[in-house]
Amino acid sequence: MIRFTNLIILPSSSLYRQRFDELGKKIKRESDALIKWEEDTCWGPPGTLNTTTPCAACKLLRRRCAQECPFSPYFSPHEPQKFASVHKVFGASNVSKLLMEVPQSQRADAANSLVYEAKCEAKRSSLWVHGCNLSLTTASSIVGSPT
């Protein structure tokens, strides 16, 4: 009866290290190629379309987001509710005009102020409707309750 044993042949350390280095170089080449592809296709020369994620404004307005979109630096695609509230109160055209009138260095602050004002306006309008109802309920309970 012949018996075979399982032999595990490990590569020598230099061969293993060489293979590891080759694999690392391959990964580096592929990641560099991917970065170059993204730069070439996503952020082309000015006037081209932004093929990555459109800004919150372009998403809400259902249009393509151009590289020079006035909203993209200030309204992130990850926070669409900010532009939605601003658009509801002021309108996209008015916001665009307002941002273009403000100096470049102050546009981010202006956009944040618009978001704040829009949220305050939304709160105020909801307080008006619910506030009147609350006042009437409170007044009727005071009048109707014995003291």
C-alpha atoms as a PDB file:
ATOM      1  CA  MET A   1       0.000   0.000   0.000  1.00  0.00           C
ATOM      2  CA  ILE A   2       1.358   3.396  -1.041  1.00  0.00           C
ATOM      3  CA  ARG A   3       0.547   6.381   1.019  1.00  0.00           C
ATOM      4  CA  PHE A   4       0.801   9.984  -0.237  1.00  0.00           C
ATOM      5  CA  THR A   5       1.227  12.870   2.070  1.00  0.00           C
ATOM      6  CA  ASN A   6      -0.057  16.342   1.354  1.00  0.00           C
ATOM      7  CA  LEU A   7       2.859  18.585   0.752  1.00  0.00           C
ATOM      8  CA  ILE A   8       2.483  22.310   0.882  1.00  0.00           C
ATOM      9  CA  ILE A   9       5.126  24.028  -1.111  1.00  0.00           C
ATOM     10  CA  LEU A  10       5.606  27.599  -0.025  1.00  0.00           C
ATOM     11  CA  PRO A  11       7.368  29.950  -2.382  1.00  0.00           C
ATOM     12  CA  SER A  12      10.641  31.335  -1.246  1.00  0.00           C
ATOM     13  CA  SER A  13      10.434  34.675   0.482  1.00  0.00           C
ATOM     14  CA  SER A  14      11.998  36.569  -2.437  1.00  0.00           C
ATOM     15  CA  LEU A  15       9.553  35.034  -4.932  1.00  0.00           C
ATOM     16  CA  TYR A  16       6.637  35.799  -2.614  1.00  0.00           C
ATOM     17  CA  ARG A  17       7.849  39.381  -2.138  1.00  0.00           C
ATOM     18  CA  GLN A  18       8.263  39.845  -5.900  1.00  0.00           C
ATOM     19  CA  ARG A  19       4.714  38.647  -6.576  1.00  0.00           C
ATOM     20  CA  PHE A  20       3.398  40.923  -3.837  1.00  0.00           C
ATOM     21  CA  ASP A  21       5.209  43.923  -5.360  1.00  0.00           C
ATOM     22  CA  GLU A  22       3.830  43.126  -8.829  1.00  0.00           C
ATOM     23  CA  LEU A  23       0.321  42.968  -7.435  1.00  0.00           C
ATOM     24  CA  GLY A  24       0.794  46.300  -5.654  1.00  0.00           C
ATOM     25  CA  LYS A  25       2.045  47.942  -8.861  1.00  0.00           C
ATOM     26  CA  LYS A  26      -0.927  46.559 -10.799  1.00  0.00           C
ATOM     27  CA  ILE A  27      -3.375  47.976  -8.260  1.00  0.00           C
ATOM     28  CA  LYS A  28      -1.579  51.349  -8.377  1.00  0.00           C
ATOM     29  CA  ARG A  29      -1.725  51.436 -12.209  1.00  0.00           C
ATOM     30  CA  GLU A  30      -5.436  50.608 -12.201  1.00  0.00           C
ATOM     31  CA  SER A  31      -6.257  53.255  -9.591  1.00  0.00           C
ATOM     32  CA  ASP A  32      -4.202  55.879 -11.467  1.00  0.00           C
ATOM     33  CA  ALA A  33      -6.016  54.986 -14.691  1.00  0.00           C
ATOM     34  CA  LEU A  34      -9.375  55.298 -12.930  1.00  0.00           C
ATOM     35  CA  ILE A  35      -8.470  58.701 -11.497  1.00  0.00           C
ATOM     36  CA  LYS A  36      -7.330  59.914 -14.918  1.00  0.00           C
ATOM     37  CA  TRP A  37     -10.537  58.613 -16.508  1.00  0.00           C
ATOM     38  CA  GLU A  38     -12.633  60.433 -13.884  1.00  0.00           C
ATOM     39  CA  GLU A  39     -10.725  63.668 -14.462  1.00  0.00           C
ATOM     40  CA  ASP A  40     -11.086  63.403 -18.239  1.00  0.00           C
ATOM     41  CA  THR A  41     -14.772  62.481 -18.327  1.00  0.00           C
ATOM     42  CA  CYS A  42     -16.213  64.108 -15.216  1.00  0.00           C
ATOM     43  CA  TRP A  43     -14.396  67.408 -15.000  1.00  0.00           C
ATOM     44  CA  GLY A  44     -13.615  68.422 -18.535  1.00  0.00           C
ATOM     45  CA  PRO A  45     -12.950  71.939 -19.752  1.00  0.00           C
ATOM     46  CA  PRO A  46     -15.309  74.720 -18.597  1.00  0.00           C
ATOM     47  CA  GLY A  47     -18.719  74.599 -20.203  1.00  0.00           C
ATOM     48  CA  THR A  48     -18.895  70.833 -20.285  1.00  0.00           C
ATOM     49  CA  LEU A  49     -21.437  68.851 -18.361  1.00  0.00           C
ATOM     50  CA  ASN A  50     -20.804  67.601 -14.864  1.00  0.00           C
ATOM     51  CA  THR A  51     -21.315  63.861 -15.358  1.00  0.00           C
ATOM     52  CA  THR A  52     -20.929  62.973 -11.699  1.00  0.00           C
ATOM     53  CA  THR A  53     -23.726  63.760  -9.275  1.00  0.00           C
ATOM     54  CA  PRO A  54     -25.738  66.889 -10.102  1.00  0.00           C
ATOM     55  CA  CYS A  55     -26.132  69.507  -7.398  1.00  0.00           C
ATOM     56  CA  ALA A  56     -29.298  69.635  -5.304  1.00  0.00           C
ATOM     57  CA  ALA A  57     -30.720  72.459  -7.415  1.00  0.00           C
ATOM     58  CA  CYS A  58     -30.296  70.645 -10.717  1.00  0.00           C
ATOM     59  CA  LYS A  59     -31.690  67.469  -9.164  1.00  0.00           C
ATOM     60  CA  LEU A  60     -34.806  69.279  -7.947  1.00  0.00           C
ATOM     61  CA  LEU A  61     -35.254  71.213 -11.190  1.00  0.00           C
ATOM     62  CA  ARG A  62     -34.573  68.025 -13.202  1.00  0.00           C
ATOM     63  CA  ARG A  63     -31.929  69.461 -15.451  1.00  0.00           C
ATOM     64  CA  ARG A  64     -28.334  68.662 -16.314  1.00  0.00           C
ATOM     65  CA  CYS A  65     -25.740  70.200 -14.052  1.00  0.00           C
ATOM     66  CA  ALA A  66     -23.148  72.146 -16.043  1.00  0.00           C
ATOM     67  CA  GLN A  67     -19.625  72.775 -14.797  1.00  0.00           C
ATOM     68  CA  GLU A  68     -20.384  76.477 -14.241  1.00  0.00           C
ATOM     69  CA  CYS A  69     -23.711  75.838 -12.474  1.00  0.00           C
ATOM     70  CA  PRO A  70     -24.247  78.739 -10.037  1.00  0.00           C
ATOM     71  CA  PHE A  71     -25.797  76.455  -7.425  1.00  0.00           C
ATOM     72  CA  SER A  72     -23.336  73.536  -7.292  1.00  0.00           C
ATOM     73  CA  PRO A  73     -20.743  75.089  -4.937  1.00  0.00           C
ATOM     74  CA  TYR A  74     -23.410  76.042  -2.398  1.00  0.00           C
ATOM     75  CA  PHE A  75     -26.095  73.346  -2.565  1.00  0.00           C
ATOM     76  CA  SER A  76     -24.634  69.876  -2.074  1.00  0.00           C
ATOM     77  CA  PRO A  77     -26.380  66.875  -3.643  1.00  0.00           C
ATOM     78  CA  HIS A  78     -26.256  65.247  -0.199  1.00  0.00           C
ATOM     79  CA  GLU A  79     -28.550  67.905   1.327  1.00  0.00           C
ATOM     80  CA  PRO A  80     -31.371  68.452  -1.170  1.00  0.00           C
ATOM     81  CA  GLN A  81     -33.767  69.774   1.480  1.00  0.00           C
ATOM     82  CA  LYS A  82     -31.706  72.973   1.734  1.00  0.00           C
ATOM     83  CA  PHE A  83     -32.280  73.993  -1.873  1.00  0.00           C
ATOM     84  CA  ALA A  84     -35.868  72.737  -1.785  1.00  0.00           C
ATOM     85  CA  SER A  85     -36.715  75.118   1.054  1.00  0.00           C
ATOM     86  CA  VAL A  86     -34.901  78.033  -0.626  1.00  0.00           C
ATOM     87  CA  HIS A  87     -36.608  77.324  -3.956  1.00  0.00           C
ATOM     88  CA  LYS A  88     -40.013  77.129  -2.299  1.00  0.00           C
ATOM     89  CA  VAL A  89     -39.640  80.568  -0.693  1.00  0.00           C
ATOM     90  CA  PHE A  90     -37.530  82.561  -3.181  1.00  0.00           C
ATOM     91  CA  GLY A  91     -37.556  80.666  -6.476  1.00  0.00           C
ATOM     92  CA  ALA A  92     -34.549  79.328  -8.358  1.00  0.00           C
ATOM     93  CA  SER A  93     -34.257  82.274 -10.728  1.00  0.00           C
ATOM     94  CA  ASN A  94     -34.217  84.840  -7.922  1.00  0.00           C
ATOM     95  CA  VAL A  95     -31.652  82.819  -5.951  1.00  0.00           C
ATOM     96  CA  SER A  96     -29.421  82.585  -9.013  1.00  0.00           C
ATOM     97  CA  LYS A  97     -29.640  86.345  -9.621  1.00  0.00           C
ATOM     98  CA  LEU A  98     -28.961  87.102  -5.987  1.00  0.00           C
ATOM     99  CA  LEU A  99     -25.922  84.839  -5.840  1.00  0.00           C
ATOM    100  CA  MET A 100     -24.494  86.411  -9.002  1.00  0.00           C
ATOM    101  CA  GLU A 101     -24.837  89.932  -7.525  1.00  0.00           C
ATOM    102  CA  VAL A 102     -22.893  89.025  -4.382  1.00  0.00           C
ATOM    103  CA  PRO A 103     -19.051  89.022  -4.555  1.00  0.00           C
ATOM    104  CA  GLN A 104     -17.498  85.571  -4.972  1.00  0.00           C
ATOM    105  CA  SER A 105     -15.978  85.634  -1.480  1.00  0.00           C
ATOM    106  CA  GLN A 106     -19.383  86.160   0.155  1.00  0.00           C
ATOM    107  CA  ARG A 107     -21.551  83.789  -1.895  1.00  0.00           C
ATOM    108  CA  ALA A 108     -21.290  80.866   0.521  1.00  0.00           C
ATOM    109  CA  ASP A 109     -22.460  83.082   3.383  1.00  0.00           C
ATOM    110  CA  ALA A 110     -25.278  84.435   1.212  1.00  0.00           C
ATOM    111  CA  ALA A 111     -26.407  80.910   0.320  1.00  0.00           C
ATOM    112  CA  ASN A 112     -26.358  79.882   3.995  1.00  0.00           C
ATOM    113  CA  SER A 113     -28.356  83.013   4.878  1.00  0.00           C
ATOM    114  CA  LEU A 114     -30.931  82.150   2.228  1.00  0.00           C
ATOM    115  CA  VAL A 115     -31.252  78.641   3.650  1.00  0.00           C
ATOM    116  CA  TYR A 116     -31.693  80.064   7.145  1.00  0.00           C
ATOM    117  CA  GLU A 117     -34.290  82.613   6.003  1.00  0.00           C
ATOM    118  CA  ALA A 118     -36.195  79.951   4.055  1.00  0.00           C
ATOM    119  CA  LYS A 119     -36.311  77.669   7.094  1.00  0.00           C
ATOM    120  CA  CYS A 120     -37.486  80.554   9.299  1.00  0.00           C
ATOM    121  CA  GLU A 121     -40.183  81.439   6.758  1.00  0.00           C
ATOM    122  CA  ALA A 122     -41.369  77.833   6.654  1.00  0.00           C
ATOM    123  CA  LYS A 123     -41.487  77.755  10.462  1.00  0.00           C
ATOM    124  CA  ARG A 124     -43.320  81.068  10.600  1.00  0.00           C
ATOM    125  CA  SER A 125     -45.951  79.980   8.080  1.00  0.00           C
ATOM    126  CA  SER A 126     -46.568  76.733   9.942  1.00  0.00           C
ATOM    127  CA  LEU A 127     -46.795  78.646  13.229  1.00  0.00           C
ATOM    128  CA  TRP A 128     -49.362  80.959  11.707  1.00  0.00           C
ATOM    129  CA  VAL A 129     -51.680  78.095  10.792  1.00  0.00           C
ATOM    130  CA  HIS A 130     -51.064  75.939  13.856  1.00  0.00           C
ATOM    131  CA  GLY A 131     -50.533  78.931  16.127  1.00  0.00           C
ATOM    132  CA  CYS A 132     -54.050  80.265  15.438  1.00  0.00           C
ATOM    133  CA  ASN A 133     -55.516  76.833  16.043  1.00  0.00           C
ATOM    134  CA  LEU A 134     -53.559  76.504  19.276  1.00  0.00           C
ATOM    135  CA  SER A 135     -54.664  79.959  20.432  1.00  0.00           C
ATOM    136  CA  LEU A 136     -58.329  79.160  19.744  1.00  0.00           C
ATOM    137  CA  THR A 137     -58.067  75.828  21.539  1.00  0.00           C
ATOM    138  CA  THR A 138     -56.378  77.429  24.530  1.00  0.00           C
ATOM    139  CA  ALA A 139     -58.913  80.284  24.658  1.00  0.00           C
ATOM    140  CA  SER A 140     -61.876  77.937  24.441  1.00  0.00           C
ATOM    141  CA  SER A 141     -60.483  75.748  27.188  1.00  0.00           C
ATOM    142  CA  ILE A 142     -59.958  78.774  29.425  1.00  0.00           C
ATOM    143  CA  VAL A 143     -63.473  80.112  28.807  1.00  0.00           C
ATOM    144  CA  GLY A 144     -65.093  76.707  29.130  1.00  0.00           C
ATOM    145  CA  SER A 145     -63.280  75.574  32.264  1.00  0.00           C
ATOM    146  CA  PRO A 146     -64.571  76.494  35.717  1.00  0.00           C
ATOM    147  CA  THR A 147     -62.206  78.482  37.904  1.00  0.00           C
END
